[in-house]
Amino acid sequence: MQWTRRTDLAVEAHEIWRESAAETTDLQGVVSKEEKIHGYDITKVEILDERGETALGKKKGSYITVEIDALHRREEEAFTRGVHAIRDQLIPLLNLSEDDTVLVVGLGNRAITPDAIGPITAKHTLATRHLVDHLPEHFGAFRRVTVLQTGVLGITGVESAELVKAFVKQFHPDCIIAIDALASRKLSRVCRTVQICDTGIAPGSGIGNRRAELNRETLGVPVIALGAPTVVDAGTLALDLLEESGHNMTNKTNFHQHGGSMIVTPKEIDTQVADISKLLGYALNCALHKGLTVGDVDMLTS
């Protein structure tokens, strides 16, 4: 079996395809464009049909990548601008009506830092369903949002998809937003990239531990996936570093055999996961509740 570099990012799958194709070859079934919003570089990859699905190994849909280097560099107003950049990508993708309800799902293991993006983001997300129902005079302007942290199968004994299905059956949300840690092919994108897509997610796929998928087909409602890469496969990293230094590697399968079971993460992962999770949580709040500002979220979550 031919080994392919492991990545959850559509923008990287597109790069890998271009590296393997002739420079003049156009990729049929895929449209990609770049822009800058609120000072952040954004790449949108649209997979239009089966040709694009086959070439990139991703499902048909929209994949939006936000490069968050400005946050990493602690630029002026980087956090607020980042919240606005991600919010502005989420709103049209969610396409919610005023009365639509949302279930936010934090996937992953809070006890393992590289896998804690989902649970920590959920902690920063406002759960408002009970407030709107019981205190409409104070919270009637908010959207009904339910927040769930699923845990992992090894701790709960329950598949995340099974738990989410039970919540969907009980609360009937109009949309689900699933947050999870991802894997990148490049160390330069680890903890410096956010991906948003409308195709759902398979928890654990980034580290080769793929679980039951969360998507419209399995849950009956639209699923927007939101995440950031926190790890890179050791074999993928070694191969990329060697090729960047000018070595032409012919036996790429050997890298998978010797490094495929190892995962690399930055030494500052605690701080970076905390920063990204807060960024995602605040962006979600501002996207879900009309007129909410970063200052408002500070006040409501303090």
Protein backbone atom coordinates (compact mmCIF):
# COMPACT_ATOMS: atom_id res chain seq x y z
CA MET A 1 0.00 0.00 0.00
CA GLN A 2 1.35 3.44 -0.87
CA TRP A 3 1.86 5.69 2.11
CA THR A 4 0.42 9.18 1.99
CA ARG A 5 1.40 12.00 4.35
CA ARG A 6 -1.08 12.24 7.21
CA THR A 7 -3.05 15.48 7.42
CA ASP A 8 -6.53 16.60 8.38
CA LEU A 9 -6.17 19.90 6.53
CA ALA A 10 -7.71 20.23 3.08
CA VAL A 11 -5.27 23.02 2.21
CA GLU A 12 -2.40 20.58 2.80
CA ALA A 13 -4.08 17.77 0.86
CA HIS A 14 -4.29 20.25 -2.00
CA GLU A 15 -0.58 21.08 -1.60
CA ILE A 16 0.37 17.39 -1.59
CA TRP A 17 -1.58 16.83 -4.80
CA ARG A 18 0.13 19.77 -6.48
CA GLU A 19 3.56 18.48 -5.44
CA SER A 20 2.83 15.14 -7.10
CA ALA A 21 1.31 16.62 -10.28
CA ALA A 22 2.83 18.46 -13.21
CA GLU A 23 2.98 22.22 -12.75
CA THR A 24 0.62 22.79 -15.67
CA THR A 25 -1.97 20.28 -14.45
CA ASP A 26 -5.28 21.68 -13.25
CA LEU A 27 -7.09 19.82 -10.49
CA GLN A 28 -10.59 19.13 -11.74
CA GLY A 29 -13.37 19.31 -9.18
CA VAL A 30 -11.52 21.63 -6.77
CA VAL A 31 -11.52 25.41 -6.48
CA SER A 32 -9.11 27.23 -4.16
CA LYS A 33 -8.80 30.92 -3.36
CA GLU A 34 -6.88 33.05 -0.86
CA GLU A 35 -7.78 36.30 0.88
CA LYS A 36 -6.89 38.37 3.94
CA ILE A 37 -9.56 39.27 6.52
CA HIS A 38 -8.91 41.29 9.68
CA GLY A 39 -5.19 40.84 8.98
CA TYR A 40 -5.39 37.03 8.84
CA ASP A 41 -4.58 34.92 5.76
CA ILE A 42 -7.49 32.68 4.78
CA THR A 43 -7.57 29.89 2.20
CA LYS A 44 -10.86 28.43 0.98
CA VAL A 45 -10.85 25.03 -0.72
CA GLU A 46 -14.11 23.92 -2.34
CA ILE A 47 -14.34 20.24 -3.31
CA LEU A 48 -17.04 20.18 -5.95
CA ASP A 49 -17.45 16.56 -7.03
CA GLU A 50 -16.08 13.03 -7.00
CA ARG A 51 -12.98 14.03 -8.94
CA GLY A 52 -11.99 16.40 -6.16
CA GLU A 53 -12.88 13.86 -3.47
CA THR A 54 -10.65 11.24 -5.08
CA ALA A 55 -7.72 13.60 -5.62
CA LEU A 56 -7.68 15.08 -2.11
CA GLY A 57 -9.12 12.23 -0.07
CA LYS A 58 -11.69 14.61 1.44
CA LYS A 59 -15.47 14.75 1.21
CA LYS A 60 -17.29 17.17 -1.07
CA GLY A 61 -17.79 20.49 0.70
CA SER A 62 -16.18 23.72 1.88
CA TYR A 63 -12.91 23.82 3.82
CA ILE A 64 -11.69 27.12 5.25
CA THR A 65 -8.20 27.54 6.72
CA VAL A 66 -7.33 30.54 8.89
CA GLU A 67 -3.62 31.09 9.56
CA ILE A 68 -3.31 32.41 13.13
CA ASP A 69 0.40 33.33 13.22
CA ALA A 70 -0.54 36.83 14.39
CA LEU A 71 -1.94 35.34 17.59
CA HIS A 72 1.25 33.31 18.08
CA ARG A 73 3.36 36.46 17.62
CA ARG A 74 1.15 38.39 20.06
CA GLU A 75 0.51 41.19 17.57
CA GLU A 76 -1.58 44.16 18.64
CA GLU A 77 -5.30 43.30 18.84
CA ALA A 78 -4.44 39.85 17.44
CA PHE A 79 -6.97 38.05 19.63
CA THR A 80 -9.92 40.31 18.80
CA ARG A 81 -9.05 40.33 15.09
CA GLY A 82 -8.71 36.56 15.13
CA VAL A 83 -12.12 36.17 16.78
CA HIS A 84 -13.65 38.37 14.10
CA ALA A 85 -11.87 36.54 11.26
CA ILE A 86 -13.12 33.12 12.40
CA ARG A 87 -16.58 34.49 13.24
CA ASP A 88 -16.92 35.92 9.74
CA GLN A 89 -16.13 32.50 8.23
CA LEU A 90 -18.51 30.64 10.54
CA ILE A 91 -21.62 32.77 10.05
CA PRO A 92 -22.21 32.07 6.32
CA LEU A 93 -21.20 28.42 6.70
CA LEU A 94 -23.68 27.92 9.57
CA ASN A 95 -26.44 29.77 7.68
CA LEU A 96 -28.69 29.79 10.75
CA SER A 97 -32.17 31.22 11.00
CA GLU A 98 -32.98 33.43 13.98
CA ASP A 99 -34.74 30.67 15.93
CA ASP A 100 -32.40 27.79 15.04
CA THR A 101 -30.88 25.92 17.98
CA VAL A 102 -27.30 24.64 18.09
CA LEU A 103 -25.48 21.79 19.82
CA VAL A 104 -21.77 22.49 20.37
CA VAL A 105 -19.73 19.31 20.90
CA GLY A 106 -16.23 19.33 22.38
CA LEU A 107 -14.46 16.15 21.26
CA GLY A 108 -11.29 14.77 22.79
CA ASN A 109 -9.60 14.08 26.10
CA ARG A 110 -9.17 16.99 28.53
CA ALA A 111 -6.41 15.09 30.36
CA ILE A 112 -4.15 14.89 27.27
CA THR A 113 -3.14 18.41 26.27
CA PRO A 114 -2.76 17.94 22.47
CA ASP A 115 -6.23 16.35 22.47
CA ALA A 116 -7.87 18.99 24.69
CA ILE A 117 -8.89 21.57 22.05
CA GLY A 118 -12.51 20.34 22.03
CA PRO A 119 -13.16 20.23 25.79
CA ILE A 120 -11.43 23.56 26.53
CA THR A 121 -13.22 25.30 23.66
CA ALA A 122 -16.51 23.94 25.02
CA LYS A 123 -15.63 25.46 28.39
CA HIS A 124 -15.35 28.88 26.72
CA THR A 125 -18.67 28.44 24.87
CA LEU A 126 -21.84 29.91 26.38
CA ALA A 127 -24.57 27.36 27.15
CA THR A 128 -27.74 29.42 26.85
CA ARG A 129 -30.64 27.02 26.23
CA HIS A 130 -31.73 26.94 29.88
CA LEU A 131 -31.27 30.69 30.28
CA VAL A 132 -33.40 31.55 27.25
CA ASP A 133 -36.13 29.13 28.36
CA HIS A 134 -36.28 30.15 32.02
CA LEU A 135 -35.14 33.80 32.00
CA PRO A 136 -36.37 35.17 28.66
CA GLU A 137 -36.63 38.68 30.06
CA HIS A 138 -32.82 38.73 30.43
CA PHE A 139 -31.61 36.27 27.79
CA GLY A 140 -34.34 36.29 25.16
CA ALA A 141 -31.99 37.86 22.59
CA PHE A 142 -29.61 34.90 22.79
CA ARG A 143 -29.71 31.78 20.62
CA ARG A 144 -30.50 28.48 22.34
CA VAL A 145 -27.15 26.70 22.56
CA THR A 146 -26.43 23.38 24.28
CA VAL A 147 -22.81 22.44 25.04
CA LEU A 148 -21.58 18.86 25.35
CA GLN A 149 -18.15 17.43 26.23
CA THR A 150 -18.17 13.82 25.06
CA GLY A 151 -14.98 12.48 26.62
CA VAL A 152 -13.32 9.52 24.89
CA LEU A 153 -14.32 5.88 24.46
CA GLY A 154 -11.53 4.58 26.70
CA ILE A 155 -12.84 6.59 29.66
CA THR A 156 -16.61 6.69 29.13
CA GLY A 157 -17.16 3.37 27.32
CA VAL A 158 -19.40 5.29 24.92
CA GLU A 159 -18.59 6.34 21.35
CA SER A 160 -18.78 10.10 20.87
CA ALA A 161 -21.16 9.54 17.94
CA GLU A 162 -23.49 7.47 20.14
CA LEU A 163 -23.59 10.17 22.79
CA VAL A 164 -24.22 12.93 20.25
CA LYS A 165 -27.02 10.87 18.67
CA ALA A 166 -28.71 10.61 22.07
CA PHE A 167 -28.49 14.38 22.55
CA VAL A 168 -29.85 14.99 19.05
CA LYS A 169 -32.80 12.73 19.80
CA GLN A 170 -33.50 14.55 23.07
CA PHE A 171 -32.92 18.19 22.10
CA HIS A 172 -33.48 18.26 18.30
CA PRO A 173 -30.83 20.86 17.40
CA ASP A 174 -30.96 22.46 13.96
CA CYS A 175 -27.17 22.36 13.64
CA ILE A 176 -24.16 20.74 15.34
CA ILE A 177 -20.72 22.30 15.72
CA ALA A 178 -18.04 19.70 16.51
CA ILE A 179 -14.62 20.86 17.78
CA ASP A 180 -11.59 18.60 17.79
CA ALA A 181 -7.80 18.56 17.64
CA LEU A 182 -6.37 17.82 14.18
CA ALA A 183 -3.11 16.65 12.61
CA SER A 184 -0.96 18.64 10.19
CA ARG A 185 1.75 17.52 7.76
CA LYS A 186 3.91 20.54 8.57
CA LEU A 187 5.27 21.61 11.94
CA SER A 188 4.88 25.23 10.81
CA ARG A 189 1.09 24.84 10.84
CA VAL A 190 0.81 23.07 14.20
CA CYS A 191 -1.05 25.35 16.64
CA ARG A 192 -0.96 28.11 13.99
CA THR A 193 -3.92 27.10 11.86
CA VAL A 194 -7.67 26.77 12.27
CA GLN A 195 -9.83 24.73 9.89
CA ILE A 196 -13.59 25.08 9.47
CA CYS A 197 -15.58 22.75 7.21
CA ASP A 198 -19.18 21.75 6.55
CA THR A 199 -18.54 18.03 6.02
CA GLY A 200 -18.51 16.86 9.63
CA ILE A 201 -15.67 15.02 11.35
CA ALA A 202 -14.36 11.57 12.29
CA PRO A 203 -12.93 11.87 15.85
CA GLY A 204 -9.41 10.51 16.23
CA SER A 205 -8.67 10.30 12.51
CA GLY A 206 -5.71 12.68 12.81
CA ILE A 207 -3.75 10.16 14.90
CA GLY A 208 -4.94 7.07 13.04
CA ASN A 209 -7.61 6.20 15.63
CA ARG A 210 -10.64 6.91 13.49
CA ARG A 211 -14.00 6.61 15.29
CA ALA A 212 -17.60 6.78 14.07
CA GLU A 213 -18.22 9.90 11.99
CA LEU A 214 -20.29 12.89 12.99
CA ASN A 215 -21.99 14.30 9.88
CA ARG A 216 -25.36 14.98 8.31
CA GLU A 217 -25.66 11.37 7.13
CA THR A 218 -25.15 9.87 10.61
CA LEU A 219 -26.96 12.51 12.69
CA GLY A 220 -29.64 13.89 10.39
CA VAL A 221 -28.63 17.55 10.82
CA PRO A 222 -25.80 19.68 9.38
CA VAL A 223 -22.46 19.28 11.17
CA ILE A 224 -19.85 22.04 11.04
CA ALA A 225 -16.38 20.91 12.12
CA LEU A 226 -13.98 23.34 13.77
CA GLY A 227 -10.46 22.49 14.86
CA ALA A 228 -6.75 23.19 14.97
CA PRO A 229 -3.77 20.91 14.36
CA THR A 230 -1.82 20.15 17.55
CA VAL A 231 0.31 17.25 16.31
CA VAL A 232 2.27 16.08 13.30
CA ASP A 233 3.04 12.47 12.36
CA ALA A 234 6.75 11.74 12.99
CA GLY A 235 7.24 9.97 9.65
CA THR A 236 5.54 12.79 7.77
CA LEU A 237 7.65 15.40 9.58
CA ALA A 238 10.94 13.57 8.92
CA LEU A 239 10.15 13.14 5.24
CA ASP A 240 9.17 16.79 4.79
CA LEU A 241 12.32 18.02 6.55
CA LEU A 242 14.55 15.82 4.39
CA GLU A 243 12.86 16.87 1.17
CA GLU A 244 13.07 20.55 2.17
CA SER A 245 16.84 20.07 2.62
CA GLY A 246 17.12 18.73 -0.94
CA HIS A 247 17.04 14.97 -0.42
CA ASN A 248 14.95 13.01 -2.91
CA MET A 249 13.45 10.16 -0.90
CA THR A 250 12.43 7.10 -2.91
CA ASN A 251 11.44 4.63 -0.17
CA LYS A 252 8.77 6.70 1.58
CA THR A 253 7.01 3.62 2.94
CA ASN A 254 10.01 3.04 5.21
CA PHE A 255 9.27 6.31 7.01
CA HIS A 256 5.74 5.18 7.73
CA GLN A 257 6.94 1.85 9.10
CA HIS A 258 9.49 3.39 11.47
CA GLY A 259 7.79 6.67 12.40
CA GLY A 260 4.11 6.15 11.73
CA SER A 261 3.30 5.23 15.33
CA MET A 262 4.94 8.35 16.77
CA ILE A 263 3.34 11.79 17.09
CA VAL A 264 5.23 15.09 17.55
CA THR A 265 3.82 18.11 19.38
CA PRO A 266 5.40 21.48 20.39
CA LYS A 267 7.00 21.90 23.81
CA GLU A 268 4.75 24.95 24.44
CA ILE A 269 1.62 22.89 23.75
CA ASP A 270 -0.08 23.83 27.06
CA THR A 271 -0.02 27.55 26.36
CA GLN A 272 -0.83 27.17 22.68
CA VAL A 273 -3.83 24.90 23.24
CA ALA A 274 -5.16 27.30 25.89
CA ASP A 275 -4.80 30.27 23.50
CA ILE A 276 -6.39 28.52 20.52
CA SER A 277 -9.28 27.08 22.55
CA LYS A 278 -10.13 30.50 23.95
CA LEU A 279 -9.95 31.98 20.43
CA LEU A 280 -12.31 29.31 19.06
CA GLY A 281 -14.73 29.60 21.97
CA TYR A 282 -14.99 33.37 21.69
CA ALA A 283 -15.40 33.17 17.89
CA LEU A 284 -18.21 30.62 18.33
CA ASN A 285 -20.00 32.83 20.83
CA CYS A 286 -19.78 35.86 18.55
CA ALA A 287 -20.97 33.82 15.55
CA LEU A 288 -23.92 32.23 17.37
CA HIS A 289 -25.25 35.27 19.21
CA LYS A 290 -25.95 38.34 17.08
CA GLY A 291 -24.28 41.52 18.27
CA LEU A 292 -22.12 39.84 20.92
CA THR A 293 -18.65 41.38 21.30
CA VAL A 294 -15.39 40.08 22.74
CA GLY A 295 -15.96 42.34 25.74
CA ASP A 296 -19.43 40.85 26.25
CA VAL A 297 -18.01 37.32 26.20
CA ASP A 298 -15.34 38.35 28.72
CA MET A 299 -18.05 39.57 31.06
CA LEU A 300 -20.33 36.56 30.61
CA THR A 301 -17.58 33.94 31.04
CA SER A 302 -15.66 35.59 33.89
